[in-house]
């Protein structure tokens, strides 16, 4: 029986798909790195034949677990995840022949001219063929995808989860080899996540050079948003789109970020310039999308008796380095900006002590001690570590000590520092030099010269939820060289989530507590409010400052430690994705009582703090 079963009727094909996996002979699905455009471009017309078939996807090694799923292929070629790359110059005409060999109907989205209409879809019944012809339209990064009636399971997608690919329209004169396209995928909720068809550590390893620009197009072909974070560098947001239209920013509108959340079936484009050599990460900051792989249900996959991928994944010398899923590794070569060896004399010396609270492994306490002062250490408030304040350009040394029951690590989220001190155990570093985990009873000395002033986060990069929800995190401020920190007017609000046990479910916390005490402030004073989201998964977090009449107005000041160019007042309502930081300025002209609220739309998780302004 041919593996694609092109001659079976719909009923027979549907019956075959219900057979146990060993009874099926399914073709392998190849990972598509999006480097080779599909089809044949001739005289301004792209000729492309696409088929939908069922195959087996191997998110890790080629002899590892195999998952039956639907996928696209060019006619006569191997199935691909993501789907074959459609990339043409502006002005091209696309002629696409479609053939559905599946035992179910499929609805195809995105195969039309741009800007387009999301309701412009094509449905193919089992065995049906159709032909499409349309003009490419405006330049931009778009996508196409398919949905089947048997695709979803619960709140996730399974059989049709990987039916998505990039559709790029290049402006005149563009060089398609000057950038890379990365498609984000999710199978059966967070069970398996991938980039360009592979999960870490089998995702493509990228190389870059200090000073040489890197250009990426990111396509979210999955069923959930993804806060994508780059370690060690800021990137410039060049463009973004909703799948149907695309906005290319002019030079004055481009903003620098270290985290950007991409919504379902949306896209964006970034440029970044590596400034420091070493190994770095680019990953989704949702914890379930970067943890070690969870076991699959044998009913869903063919799992080797001795899975070579997972046999040693918990060991420190494993390629996993404690991680899995939606992660890219980048190795940058070239000269370093920093010298933390020769004539290293730190102007600031701190100790960050990580321990369990009262011996309970669920809860952590952080103590931050200035080693050049007799002052007592600052300690965690609830389940959030104390505020860490350092200065731009100042040599700073932080000794992380661990008295907890588990190994740990600390990542300096958003900071531009040496790779070795970035905080990813067994990965950060250069060549054979790799940062260790901080084992119980041990310490690790971090050396940094902060390059940029603004709001940051320090947090564990131990890749399970327990330490993050247990309190191994805190707010971080880097002051400009001539800037003074005033705790009376500079207020940080870090949003996190508690452990589920013993509360039954995770509680949304503001500065470590679900019920923060009222804060008394003064009228006529300009306050800087800094917001950070380090929850494990709450990418839709909303922050608002409200009176009984509704949201007040505040002035945007910064996003991801980059000052905001517009200083017009706006409604005090802000979406803060996981791993993002936002700064706002607020001044009360008269006495008032306001509510600072954080919540996740669609569930009951909410935290409120009262801010009372008095003369």
Protein backbone atom coordinates (compact mmCIF):
# COMPACT_ATOMS: atom_id res chain seq x y z
CA UNK A 1 0.00 0.00 0.00
CA UNK A 2 1.54 3.39 -0.95
CA UNK A 3 2.28 5.49 2.10
CA UNK A 4 0.31 8.47 0.81
CA UNK A 5 -2.71 6.28 -0.13
CA UNK A 6 -3.69 8.52 -3.07
CA UNK A 7 -6.03 5.96 -4.64
CA UNK A 8 -8.13 5.09 -1.58
CA UNK A 9 -11.64 6.42 -1.30
CA UNK A 10 -12.51 8.81 1.52
CA UNK A 11 -14.17 6.16 3.67
CA UNK A 12 -11.29 3.70 3.34
CA UNK A 13 -8.73 6.39 4.01
CA UNK A 14 -10.60 7.55 7.11
CA UNK A 15 -10.74 3.95 8.36
CA UNK A 16 -7.00 3.57 7.81
CA UNK A 17 -6.30 6.67 9.89
CA UNK A 18 -8.11 5.04 12.82
CA UNK A 19 -5.88 1.96 12.84
CA UNK A 20 -3.30 1.61 15.62
CA UNK A 21 -0.02 3.25 14.76
CA UNK A 22 1.94 0.01 14.12
CA UNK A 23 -0.66 -0.95 11.50
CA UNK A 24 0.00 2.22 9.54
CA UNK A 25 2.85 2.89 7.16
CA UNK A 26 3.36 6.60 7.23
CA UNK A 27 6.07 8.63 5.51
CA UNK A 28 8.51 10.72 7.53
CA UNK A 29 8.04 14.46 7.85
CA UNK A 30 11.16 16.53 7.24
CA UNK A 31 12.09 19.67 9.17
CA UNK A 32 11.95 22.71 6.89
CA UNK A 33 14.58 25.35 7.62
CA UNK A 34 12.80 27.82 5.31
CA UNK A 35 15.93 28.46 3.25
CA UNK A 36 14.59 27.06 -0.05
CA UNK A 37 11.39 28.58 -1.51
CA UNK A 38 8.87 26.09 -2.80
CA UNK A 39 7.64 25.87 -6.38
CA UNK A 40 9.01 27.29 -9.61
CA UNK A 41 9.14 31.05 -10.25
CA UNK A 42 9.08 31.77 -13.97
CA UNK A 43 8.27 35.04 -15.78
CA UNK A 44 6.80 36.54 -12.63
CA UNK A 45 4.54 33.56 -11.90
CA UNK A 46 5.06 31.06 -9.05
CA UNK A 47 3.87 27.56 -10.02
CA UNK A 48 3.33 25.42 -6.93
CA UNK A 49 1.59 22.09 -6.27
CA UNK A 50 0.73 21.43 -2.63
CA UNK A 51 -0.59 18.21 -1.11
CA UNK A 52 -1.92 17.46 2.34
CA UNK A 53 -0.94 14.05 3.68
CA UNK A 54 -0.45 12.24 6.95
CA UNK A 55 3.06 11.43 8.14
CA UNK A 56 5.20 10.98 11.21
CA UNK A 57 6.91 13.96 12.82
CA UNK A 58 10.09 13.53 14.80
CA UNK A 59 10.56 16.69 16.87
CA UNK A 60 13.93 15.53 18.18
CA UNK A 61 16.37 13.03 16.63
CA UNK A 62 15.50 11.00 13.56
CA UNK A 63 15.54 7.77 15.59
CA UNK A 64 13.59 9.25 18.50
CA UNK A 65 9.87 9.48 19.21
CA UNK A 66 7.60 9.74 16.16
CA UNK A 67 4.21 11.45 16.19
CA UNK A 68 1.54 10.88 13.50
CA UNK A 69 0.16 14.16 12.21
CA UNK A 70 -0.99 15.99 9.10
CA UNK A 71 1.45 18.00 7.03
CA UNK A 72 1.92 19.79 3.71
CA UNK A 73 4.23 18.72 0.91
CA UNK A 74 5.12 19.81 -2.58
CA UNK A 75 3.73 17.22 -5.00
CA UNK A 76 6.21 14.40 -5.38
CA UNK A 77 8.39 15.59 -2.50
CA UNK A 78 8.70 14.86 1.20
CA UNK A 79 6.27 16.18 3.78
CA UNK A 80 7.56 19.24 5.65
CA UNK A 81 7.07 20.97 9.00
CA UNK A 82 6.72 23.86 8.78
CA UNK A 83 4.89 23.77 5.46
CA UNK A 84 6.79 24.51 2.23
CA UNK A 85 8.05 28.08 2.18
CA UNK A 86 6.19 30.37 -0.20
CA UNK A 87 8.45 33.35 -0.98
CA UNK A 88 8.08 35.63 -4.00
CA UNK A 89 8.98 39.20 -5.06
CA UNK A 90 6.30 41.85 -4.97
CA UNK A 91 4.32 41.86 -8.22
CA UNK A 92 4.41 38.09 -8.61
CA UNK A 93 1.37 36.03 -9.50
CA UNK A 94 0.83 32.77 -7.61
CA UNK A 95 -0.72 29.71 -9.25
CA UNK A 96 -1.22 27.02 -6.61
CA UNK A 97 -2.68 23.55 -7.22
CA UNK A 98 -4.06 21.94 -4.05
CA UNK A 99 -4.77 18.25 -3.38
CA UNK A 100 -6.24 16.94 -0.14
CA UNK A 101 -5.29 13.26 0.32
CA UNK A 102 -6.51 13.20 3.94
CA UNK A 103 -9.55 11.28 5.09
CA UNK A 104 -11.16 14.48 6.32
CA UNK A 105 -11.98 17.91 5.00
CA UNK A 106 -9.49 20.75 5.49
CA UNK A 107 -10.00 24.51 5.53
CA UNK A 108 -7.02 26.51 4.29
CA UNK A 109 -6.33 30.05 5.44
CA UNK A 110 -3.96 32.67 4.07
CA UNK A 111 -3.70 31.58 0.43
CA UNK A 112 -4.72 34.91 -1.05
CA UNK A 113 -3.40 38.36 -1.91
CA UNK A 114 -2.23 40.76 0.84
CA UNK A 115 -3.56 42.75 2.49
CA UNK A 116 -6.27 40.17 2.78
CA UNK A 117 -9.41 39.09 4.55
CA UNK A 118 -9.21 36.42 7.25
CA UNK A 119 -12.57 35.10 6.07
CA UNK A 120 -11.14 34.37 2.60
CA UNK A 121 -10.62 30.61 3.03
CA UNK A 122 -10.62 27.52 0.85
CA UNK A 123 -12.19 24.20 1.91
CA UNK A 124 -11.21 20.90 0.33
CA UNK A 125 -13.14 17.69 0.91
CA UNK A 126 -11.27 14.35 1.13
CA UNK A 127 -9.58 13.64 -2.19
CA UNK A 128 -10.60 17.00 -3.66
CA UNK A 129 -8.34 19.15 -5.89
CA UNK A 130 -8.56 22.90 -6.44
CA UNK A 131 -6.51 25.55 -8.19
CA UNK A 132 -5.89 29.07 -6.93
CA UNK A 133 -4.52 32.12 -8.73
CA UNK A 134 -3.83 35.42 -6.99
CA UNK A 135 -1.41 38.31 -6.95
CA UNK A 136 1.10 38.35 -4.10
CA UNK A 137 0.22 41.87 -2.97
CA UNK A 138 2.08 44.13 -0.55
CA UNK A 139 5.51 43.21 0.86
CA UNK A 140 5.53 41.53 4.24
CA UNK A 141 5.85 38.33 6.25
CA UNK A 142 2.59 36.37 6.28
CA UNK A 143 1.55 32.74 6.72
CA UNK A 144 -0.84 30.08 5.52
CA UNK A 145 -2.31 27.22 7.54
CA UNK A 146 -4.96 24.49 7.60
CA UNK A 147 -7.58 23.30 10.04
CA UNK A 148 -9.44 19.98 10.10
CA UNK A 149 -12.54 18.88 12.05
CA UNK A 150 -10.53 16.16 13.80
CA UNK A 151 -7.60 18.45 14.61
CA UNK A 152 -8.41 19.75 18.10
CA UNK A 153 -8.24 17.91 21.40
CA UNK A 154 -9.48 19.75 24.44
CA UNK A 155 -7.93 23.22 24.37
CA UNK A 156 -5.03 22.15 22.14
CA UNK A 157 -4.52 20.95 18.61
CA UNK A 158 -3.06 17.61 17.59
CA UNK A 159 -3.57 16.24 14.07
CA UNK A 160 -3.69 19.64 12.36
CA UNK A 161 -1.33 21.46 14.75
CA UNK A 162 1.57 21.52 12.26
CA UNK A 163 -0.35 22.59 9.15
CA UNK A 164 1.29 26.02 8.90
CA UNK A 165 4.02 27.74 6.94
CA UNK A 166 5.51 31.08 5.94
CA UNK A 167 4.32 33.19 3.02
CA UNK A 168 6.74 36.05 2.35
CA UNK A 169 6.40 38.84 -0.21
CA UNK A 170 9.75 40.58 -0.70
CA UNK A 171 10.01 44.25 -1.71
CA UNK A 172 11.74 45.01 -5.03
CA UNK A 173 15.48 44.38 -4.92
CA UNK A 174 15.41 42.44 -1.62
CA UNK A 175 17.90 39.61 -1.13
CA UNK A 176 16.01 36.56 0.19
CA UNK A 177 19.26 35.08 1.51
CA UNK A 178 19.91 38.08 3.79
CA UNK A 179 17.51 36.92 6.52
CA UNK A 180 16.17 33.78 8.16
CA UNK A 181 12.57 32.67 8.68
CA UNK A 182 11.61 30.87 11.91
CA UNK A 183 8.16 29.32 12.29
CA UNK A 184 6.88 28.60 15.82
CA UNK A 185 4.89 25.40 16.38
CA UNK A 186 2.99 23.71 19.21
CA UNK A 187 1.60 20.17 19.25
CA UNK A 188 -1.03 19.03 21.78
CA UNK A 189 -0.75 22.15 23.91
CA UNK A 190 2.71 22.43 25.47
CA UNK A 191 3.43 18.70 25.09
CA UNK A 192 5.83 19.45 22.23
CA UNK A 193 6.91 22.86 20.98
CA UNK A 194 9.29 23.54 18.13
CA UNK A 195 10.95 26.07 15.83
CA UNK A 196 11.17 25.14 12.14
CA UNK A 197 10.04 21.62 12.91
CA UNK A 198 12.49 20.72 15.70
CA UNK A 199 12.59 20.94 19.49
CA UNK A 200 15.68 21.89 21.51
CA UNK A 201 18.35 20.56 21.52
CA UNK A 202 17.65 19.50 17.93
CA UNK A 203 16.71 22.98 16.76
CA UNK A 204 19.19 24.52 14.34
CA UNK A 205 22.33 25.92 15.98
CA UNK A 206 23.01 29.37 14.60
CA UNK A 207 26.28 31.23 14.13
CA UNK A 208 26.83 34.99 14.16
CA UNK A 209 29.74 37.42 14.27
CA UNK A 210 30.30 40.42 16.51
CA UNK A 211 29.27 43.58 14.67
CA UNK A 212 27.45 41.79 11.81
CA UNK A 213 23.67 42.45 11.65
CA UNK A 214 21.31 39.47 12.01
CA UNK A 215 17.85 39.62 10.41
CA UNK A 216 15.03 37.28 11.38
CA UNK A 217 11.39 36.88 10.38
CA UNK A 218 9.28 35.19 13.08
CA UNK A 219 6.02 33.43 12.18
CA UNK A 220 3.64 32.13 14.85
CA UNK A 221 1.82 29.23 13.21
CA UNK A 222 0.69 27.82 16.57
CA UNK A 223 -2.42 28.10 18.71
CA UNK A 224 -0.94 30.31 21.47
CA UNK A 225 1.02 33.53 21.85
CA UNK A 226 4.77 33.36 22.45
CA UNK A 227 6.87 35.97 24.32
CA UNK A 228 10.15 35.60 22.43
CA UNK A 229 13.21 36.67 24.42
CA UNK A 230 16.78 37.23 23.23
CA UNK A 231 19.57 36.74 25.77
CA UNK A 232 22.41 39.25 25.97
CA UNK A 233 21.23 41.77 23.38
CA UNK A 234 18.45 44.12 22.41
CA UNK A 235 16.90 43.76 18.96
CA UNK A 236 15.18 46.30 16.75
CA UNK A 237 11.56 45.64 15.80
CA UNK A 238 11.47 46.32 12.06
CA UNK A 239 7.92 45.25 11.24
CA UNK A 240 4.95 43.25 12.47
CA UNK A 241 1.74 41.86 11.03
CA UNK A 242 -1.51 40.15 11.90
CA UNK A 243 -1.27 37.54 9.15
CA UNK A 244 -3.41 39.56 6.75
CA UNK A 245 -1.66 42.96 6.77
CA UNK A 246 1.88 44.05 7.55
CA UNK A 247 3.30 47.24 9.01
CA UNK A 248 6.89 48.11 8.17
CA UNK A 249 8.20 50.73 10.60
CA UNK A 250 10.15 53.76 9.46
CA UNK A 251 13.41 54.67 11.16
CA UNK A 252 11.69 56.87 13.75
CA UNK A 253 9.12 54.20 14.66
CA UNK A 254 11.40 51.21 15.18
CA UNK A 255 11.88 50.33 18.82
CA UNK A 256 14.44 48.27 20.65
CA UNK A 257 13.30 45.41 22.86
CA UNK A 258 14.61 42.27 24.54
CA UNK A 259 11.23 40.48 24.55
CA UNK A 260 8.45 40.60 21.97
CA UNK A 261 5.22 38.63 22.23
CA UNK A 262 3.74 37.37 18.97
CA UNK A 263 0.05 36.53 18.97
CA UNK A 264 -1.62 33.54 17.30
CA UNK A 265 -1.09 33.55 13.51
CA UNK A 266 0.84 36.81 13.63
CA UNK A 267 4.37 37.70 12.51
CA UNK A 268 7.21 40.12 13.17
CA UNK A 269 10.67 40.98 11.88
CA UNK A 270 13.76 41.93 13.88
CA UNK A 271 17.36 43.01 13.34
CA UNK A 272 20.03 42.72 16.00
CA UNK A 273 23.76 43.26 16.11
CA UNK A 274 25.81 40.91 18.33
CA UNK A 275 28.22 42.84 20.53
CA UNK A 276 29.60 40.05 22.66
CA UNK A 277 30.92 36.57 21.79
CA UNK A 278 29.69 33.37 23.38
CA UNK A 279 26.67 31.12 23.46
CA UNK A 280 23.26 32.78 23.71
CA UNK A 281 19.60 31.77 23.59
CA UNK A 282 16.48 32.94 21.79
CA UNK A 283 13.39 31.30 23.24
CA UNK A 284 9.75 31.50 24.20
CA UNK A 285 9.57 32.67 27.82
CA UNK A 286 6.55 30.53 28.68
CA UNK A 287 7.97 27.97 31.10
CA UNK A 288 6.15 24.95 29.56
CA UNK A 289 7.70 25.85 26.20
CA UNK A 290 11.31 25.66 27.43
CA UNK A 291 11.26 22.81 29.93
CA UNK A 292 12.57 19.30 29.41
CA UNK A 293 10.14 17.22 27.33
CA UNK A 294 7.33 15.52 29.21
CA UNK A 295 6.49 11.86 28.48
CA UNK A 296 4.15 11.27 25.55
CA UNK A 297 1.01 9.15 25.66
CA UNK A 298 1.86 5.88 23.86
CA UNK A 299 -1.49 6.18 22.09
CA UNK A 300 -0.25 9.36 20.43
CA UNK A 301 3.24 8.36 19.36
CA UNK A 302 5.68 5.59 18.59
CA UNK A 303 8.17 5.80 21.45
CA UNK A 304 11.41 3.79 21.31
CA UNK A 305 11.80 1.35 24.19
CA UNK A 306 15.11 3.00 25.02
CA UNK A 307 14.60 6.57 23.84
CA UNK A 308 18.10 7.82 22.95
CA UNK A 309 16.95 11.41 23.29
CA UNK A 310 15.72 11.22 26.88
CA UNK A 311 17.93 8.59 28.48
CA UNK A 312 20.44 11.13 29.83
CA UNK A 313 18.64 14.44 29.44
CA UNK A 314 18.74 15.22 33.18
CA UNK A 315 22.53 14.98 33.37
CA UNK A 316 24.62 18.14 33.44
CA UNK A 317 26.63 17.17 30.34
CA UNK A 318 23.52 16.43 28.28
CA UNK A 319 22.91 18.47 25.13
CA UNK A 320 19.60 19.51 26.66
CA UNK A 321 21.37 21.64 29.31
CA UNK A 322 18.20 21.32 31.38
CA UNK A 323 15.95 22.70 28.64
CA UNK A 324 13.66 21.61 25.81
CA UNK A 325 11.17 22.98 23.31
CA UNK A 326 10.98 26.36 21.61
CA UNK A 327 14.62 27.42 21.89
CA UNK A 328 17.36 28.43 19.47
CA UNK A 329 21.03 28.41 20.40
CA UNK A 330 23.31 31.06 18.90
CA UNK A 331 27.10 31.06 19.00
CA UNK A 332 28.67 34.47 18.44
CA UNK A 333 32.35 34.76 17.54
CA UNK A 334 34.59 37.81 17.65
CA UNK A 335 36.26 40.15 20.15
CA UNK A 336 34.75 40.92 23.55
CA UNK A 337 33.87 44.38 24.85
CA UNK A 338 34.55 43.30 28.41
CA UNK A 339 37.67 42.45 30.39
CA UNK A 340 36.68 41.01 33.74
CA UNK A 341 40.04 39.32 34.33
CA UNK A 342 42.82 41.89 34.08
CA UNK A 343 42.81 44.68 36.64
CA UNK A 344 39.31 43.71 37.79
CA UNK A 345 38.42 45.99 40.69
CA UNK A 346 34.66 46.08 41.23
CA UNK A 347 33.15 49.34 42.41
CA UNK A 348 30.22 47.41 43.89
CA UNK A 349 30.31 44.01 45.61
CA UNK A 350 27.11 42.20 46.49
CA UNK A 351 26.09 38.79 47.77
CA UNK A 352 22.81 37.21 46.64
CA UNK A 353 21.91 34.35 48.95
CA UNK A 354 19.28 31.86 47.71
CA UNK A 355 17.75 29.58 50.32
CA UNK A 356 14.54 27.79 51.21
CA UNK A 357 12.08 29.54 53.48
CA UNK A 358 11.93 27.74 56.82
CA UNK A 359 13.31 24.61 55.16
CA UNK A 360 10.24 24.23 52.92
CA UNK A 361 11.38 23.24 49.39
CA UNK A 362 8.32 24.91 47.85
CA UNK A 363 9.29 28.41 48.98
CA UNK A 364 12.49 30.41 48.57
CA UNK A 365 13.98 33.43 50.26
CA UNK A 366 16.59 35.73 48.75
CA UNK A 367 18.85 37.94 50.83
CA UNK A 368 20.85 40.69 49.11
CA UNK A 369 23.86 42.01 50.98
CA UNK A 370 26.11 44.95 50.08
CA UNK A 371 29.54 43.58 51.01
CA UNK A 372 30.98 47.08 51.32
CA UNK A 373 28.38 48.18 53.89
CA UNK A 374 27.49 47.31 57.45
CA UNK A 375 23.78 47.55 56.62
CA UNK A 376 21.75 44.35 57.08
CA UNK A 377 20.80 42.46 53.90
CA UNK A 378 17.57 43.25 52.08
CA UNK A 379 15.28 40.21 52.01
CA UNK A 380 12.42 38.87 49.95
CA UNK A 381 8.97 40.36 50.34
CA UNK A 382 6.73 37.32 50.24
CA UNK A 383 7.72 35.27 47.20
CA UNK A 384 9.72 37.93 45.36
CA UNK A 385 13.34 38.78 45.95
CA UNK A 386 14.51 42.26 47.03
CA UNK A 387 15.10 45.07 44.57
CA UNK A 388 18.59 45.01 43.05
CA UNK A 389 19.98 48.42 42.06
CA UNK A 390 23.25 48.74 40.13
CA UNK A 391 24.78 51.48 37.99
CA UNK A 392 25.43 51.71 34.27
CA UNK A 393 29.13 51.36 33.44
CA UNK A 394 30.16 50.40 36.99
CA UNK A 395 32.13 47.21 37.55
CA UNK A 396 29.83 45.07 39.69
CA UNK A 397 30.42 41.70 41.28
CA UNK A 398 27.55 39.58 42.63
CA UNK A 399 28.33 36.35 44.47
CA UNK A 400 25.36 34.00 44.20
CA UNK A 401 25.35 31.55 47.13
CA UNK A 402 22.96 28.62 47.43
CA UNK A 403 21.78 27.08 50.68
CA UNK A 404 18.59 25.62 49.20
CA UNK A 405 17.98 21.93 48.61
CA UNK A 406 18.31 22.09 44.82
CA UNK A 407 20.83 23.46 42.31
CA UNK A 408 19.95 26.88 40.96
CA UNK A 409 21.10 29.63 38.61
CA UNK A 410 20.35 33.33 38.14
CA UNK A 411 19.77 34.96 34.76
CA UNK A 412 20.07 38.75 34.43
CA UNK A 413 17.12 39.21 32.10
CA UNK A 414 17.75 41.91 29.48
CA UNK A 415 21.29 42.80 30.56
CA UNK A 416 24.15 42.96 28.07
CA UNK A 417 26.96 41.14 29.87
CA UNK A 418 29.51 38.40 29.19
CA UNK A 419 28.00 35.10 28.07
CA UNK A 420 29.64 33.14 30.90
CA UNK A 421 27.70 35.17 33.47
CA UNK A 422 24.36 35.13 31.61
CA UNK A 423 23.01 32.46 33.95
CA UNK A 424 22.12 29.45 31.78
CA UNK A 425 23.82 26.49 33.45
CA UNK A 426 25.88 24.20 31.20
CA UNK A 427 25.28 26.50 28.20
CA UNK A 428 26.46 30.06 28.88
CA UNK A 429 30.10 30.67 28.05
CA UNK A 430 32.68 30.49 25.27
CA UNK A 431 34.30 27.36 23.86
CA UNK A 432 34.95 24.78 26.55
CA UNK A 433 34.19 27.27 29.32
CA UNK A 434 30.59 26.70 30.45
CA UNK A 435 28.80 28.26 33.41
CA UNK A 436 27.98 25.71 36.12
CA UNK A 437 24.78 25.39 38.07
CA UNK A 438 25.09 26.74 41.60
CA UNK A 439 24.90 23.54 43.60
CA UNK A 440 23.63 23.48 47.21
CA UNK A 441 26.41 24.72 49.48
CA UNK A 442 28.29 26.36 46.62
CA UNK A 443 28.63 29.82 45.12
CA UNK A 444 29.14 31.43 41.72
CA UNK A 445 30.73 34.83 41.26
CA UNK A 446 29.09 36.99 38.56
CA UNK A 447 30.99 39.89 37.02
CA UNK A 448 29.14 42.53 35.05
CA UNK A 449 29.48 46.04 33.68
CA UNK A 450 25.85 47.04 32.91
CA UNK A 451 25.66 48.74 29.53
CA UNK A 452 22.19 50.24 29.61
CA UNK A 453 20.06 52.00 32.23
CA UNK A 454 16.49 50.91 32.83
CA UNK A 455 14.21 48.23 34.28
CA UNK A 456 15.26 44.59 34.22
CA UNK A 457 14.54 41.31 36.04
CA UNK A 458 16.76 38.76 37.72
CA UNK A 459 15.34 35.25 37.86
CA UNK A 460 16.22 31.60 38.04
CA UNK A 461 17.10 29.88 34.78
CA UNK A 462 16.62 26.47 36.36
CA UNK A 463 14.14 25.08 33.89
CA UNK A 464 11.24 23.93 35.98
CA UNK A 465 8.39 25.91 37.44
CA UNK A 466 9.15 25.24 41.10
CA UNK A 467 11.94 27.77 41.58
CA UNK A 468 10.22 30.46 39.51
CA UNK A 469 6.94 30.20 41.41
CA UNK A 470 8.82 29.61 44.67
CA UNK A 471 10.38 33.08 44.56
CA UNK A 472 13.80 32.92 42.86
CA UNK A 473 13.33 36.22 41.07
CA UNK A 474 13.20 39.94 41.71
CA UNK A 475 13.14 43.43 40.15
CA UNK A 476 16.36 45.01 38.93
CA UNK A 477 17.14 48.64 38.13
CA UNK A 478 20.23 49.91 36.35
CA UNK A 479 20.75 53.60 37.08
CA UNK A 480 22.36 56.01 34.64
CA UNK A 481 25.81 57.24 35.80
CA UNK A 482 24.43 60.54 37.14
CA UNK A 483 21.05 59.21 38.28
CA UNK A 484 20.05 58.90 41.94
CA UNK A 485 17.64 56.25 43.12
CA UNK A 486 14.83 57.61 45.27
CA UNK A 487 12.71 54.81 46.81
CA UNK A 488 10.04 57.35 47.73
CA UNK A 489 9.22 58.15 44.08
CA UNK A 490 10.56 55.14 42.16
CA UNK A 491 8.26 52.13 42.61
CA UNK A 492 8.73 48.65 41.13
CA UNK A 493 5.85 46.20 40.73
CA UNK A 494 6.89 42.68 39.80
CA UNK A 495 4.10 40.28 38.84
CA UNK A 496 4.63 36.57 39.52
CA UNK A 497 2.69 33.41 40.30
CA UNK A 498 2.72 31.35 43.50
CA UNK A 499 3.13 27.56 43.65
CA UNK A 500 -0.10 25.60 43.31
CA UNK A 501 0.56 23.75 46.56
CA UNK A 502 -0.82 24.49 49.16
CA UNK A 503 -3.22 26.99 47.57
CA UNK A 504 -4.92 24.62 45.13
CA UNK A 505 -3.98 26.83 42.19
CA UNK A 506 -1.36 29.45 41.52
CA UNK A 507 -2.11 32.90 42.93
CA UNK A 508 -1.21 36.03 41.01
CA UNK A 509 1.26 37.98 43.12
CA UNK A 510 2.37 41.61 43.13
CA UNK A 511 5.80 41.99 44.70
CA UNK A 512 5.47 38.52 46.21
CA UNK A 513 2.03 38.77 47.80
CA UNK A 514 -1.58 38.21 46.64
CA UNK A 515 -2.78 41.04 48.90
CA UNK A 516 -0.25 43.88 48.75
CA UNK A 517 -0.69 46.54 51.46
CA UNK A 518 -2.02 49.97 50.61
CA UNK A 519 0.59 52.49 49.50
CA UNK A 520 0.44 56.13 50.58
CA UNK A 521 1.80 58.63 48.08
CA UNK A 522 1.84 62.41 47.68
CA UNK A 523 -0.04 64.66 45.31
CA UNK A 524 1.92 66.84 42.91
CA UNK A 525 4.88 64.44 42.85
CA UNK A 526 6.00 62.68 39.65
CA UNK A 527 6.31 58.94 40.31
CA UNK A 528 8.00 56.36 38.14
CA UNK A 529 6.13 53.05 38.15
CA UNK A 530 8.08 50.05 36.82
CA UNK A 531 6.22 46.87 35.84
CA UNK A 532 7.78 43.44 35.25
CA UNK A 533 6.08 40.14 34.36
CA UNK A 534 7.92 37.01 35.45
CA UNK A 535 4.93 34.67 35.68
CA UNK A 536 5.53 31.23 34.14
CA UNK A 537 2.81 31.50 31.47
CA UNK A 538 0.63 34.61 31.87
CA UNK A 539 1.38 36.23 28.51
CA UNK A 540 -1.93 38.13 28.50
CA UNK A 541 -1.29 39.97 31.79
CA UNK A 542 -3.07 43.32 31.96
CA UNK A 543 -2.02 46.19 34.24
CA UNK A 544 -4.31 49.14 34.95
CA UNK A 545 -4.38 52.14 37.28
CA UNK A 546 -8.00 53.07 38.00
CA UNK A 547 -10.29 55.29 39.98
CA UNK A 548 -13.98 54.55 40.51
CA UNK A 549 -14.65 56.39 37.23
CA UNK A 550 -12.24 54.23 35.21
CA UNK A 551 -8.62 54.20 34.11
CA UNK A 552 -6.63 57.37 34.81
CA UNK A 553 -3.94 58.64 32.42
CA UNK A 554 -0.21 58.22 32.72
CA UNK A 555 2.84 58.97 30.62
CA UNK A 556 4.78 56.10 28.97
CA UNK A 557 8.48 56.29 29.88
CA UNK A 558 10.21 53.09 28.71
CA UNK A 559 9.78 49.55 27.41
CA UNK A 560 12.46 46.90 27.99
CA UNK A 561 14.92 49.52 29.31
CA UNK A 562 14.56 51.74 26.23
CA UNK A 563 13.08 55.19 26.68
CA UNK A 564 9.76 55.75 24.89
CA UNK A 565 9.93 58.48 22.23
CA UNK A 566 6.32 59.61 22.74
CA UNK A 567 5.55 61.30 26.05
CA UNK A 568 1.86 61.99 25.48
CA UNK A 569 -0.52 60.96 28.24
CA UNK A 570 -2.42 57.76 27.56
CA UNK A 571 -4.99 55.56 29.26
CA UNK A 572 -3.39 53.72 32.19
CA UNK A 573 -3.95 50.24 30.76
CA UNK A 574 -1.07 48.10 29.52
CA UNK A 575 -0.58 44.55 28.29
CA UNK A 576 2.68 43.24 29.79
CA UNK A 577 3.83 39.96 28.26
CA UNK A 578 6.00 37.43 30.09
CA UNK A 579 9.55 38.77 30.25
CA UNK A 580 8.64 42.37 29.36
CA UNK A 581 9.23 45.49 31.45
CA UNK A 582 7.36 48.79 31.17
CA UNK A 583 7.92 52.14 32.89
CA UNK A 584 5.30 54.86 33.30
CA UNK A 585 5.20 58.25 35.01
CA UNK A 586 2.18 59.36 37.02
CA UNK A 587 1.37 62.53 38.93
CA UNK A 588 -1.83 63.04 40.95
CA UNK A 589 -2.98 66.66 40.80
CA UNK A 590 -5.20 66.26 43.85
CA UNK A 591 -6.12 63.75 46.59
CA UNK A 592 -7.45 60.49 45.21
CA UNK A 593 -7.62 56.78 45.88
CA UNK A 594 -6.64 54.55 42.97
CA UNK A 595 -6.47 50.81 42.38
CA UNK A 596 -3.43 49.28 40.73
CA UNK A 597 -4.77 46.08 39.20
CA UNK A 598 -3.12 43.12 37.56
CA UNK A 599 -5.19 40.36 36.01
CA UNK A 600 -5.37 37.69 33.37
CA UNK A 601 -8.42 37.99 31.09
CA UNK A 602 -10.46 34.81 30.96
CA UNK A 603 -9.70 33.55 34.45
CA UNK A 604 -10.10 34.68 38.05
CA UNK A 605 -6.46 35.46 38.78
CA UNK A 606 -6.28 39.05 39.92
CA UNK A 607 -4.22 41.14 42.33
CA UNK A 608 -5.03 44.67 43.51
CA UNK A 609 -3.08 47.29 45.44
CA UNK A 610 -4.59 50.53 46.71
CA UNK A 611 -2.63 53.73 46.02
CA UNK A 612 -3.76 56.67 48.14
CA UNK A 613 -2.55 60.14 47.11
CA UNK A 614 -2.64 62.80 49.82
CA UNK A 615 -1.58 66.46 50.08
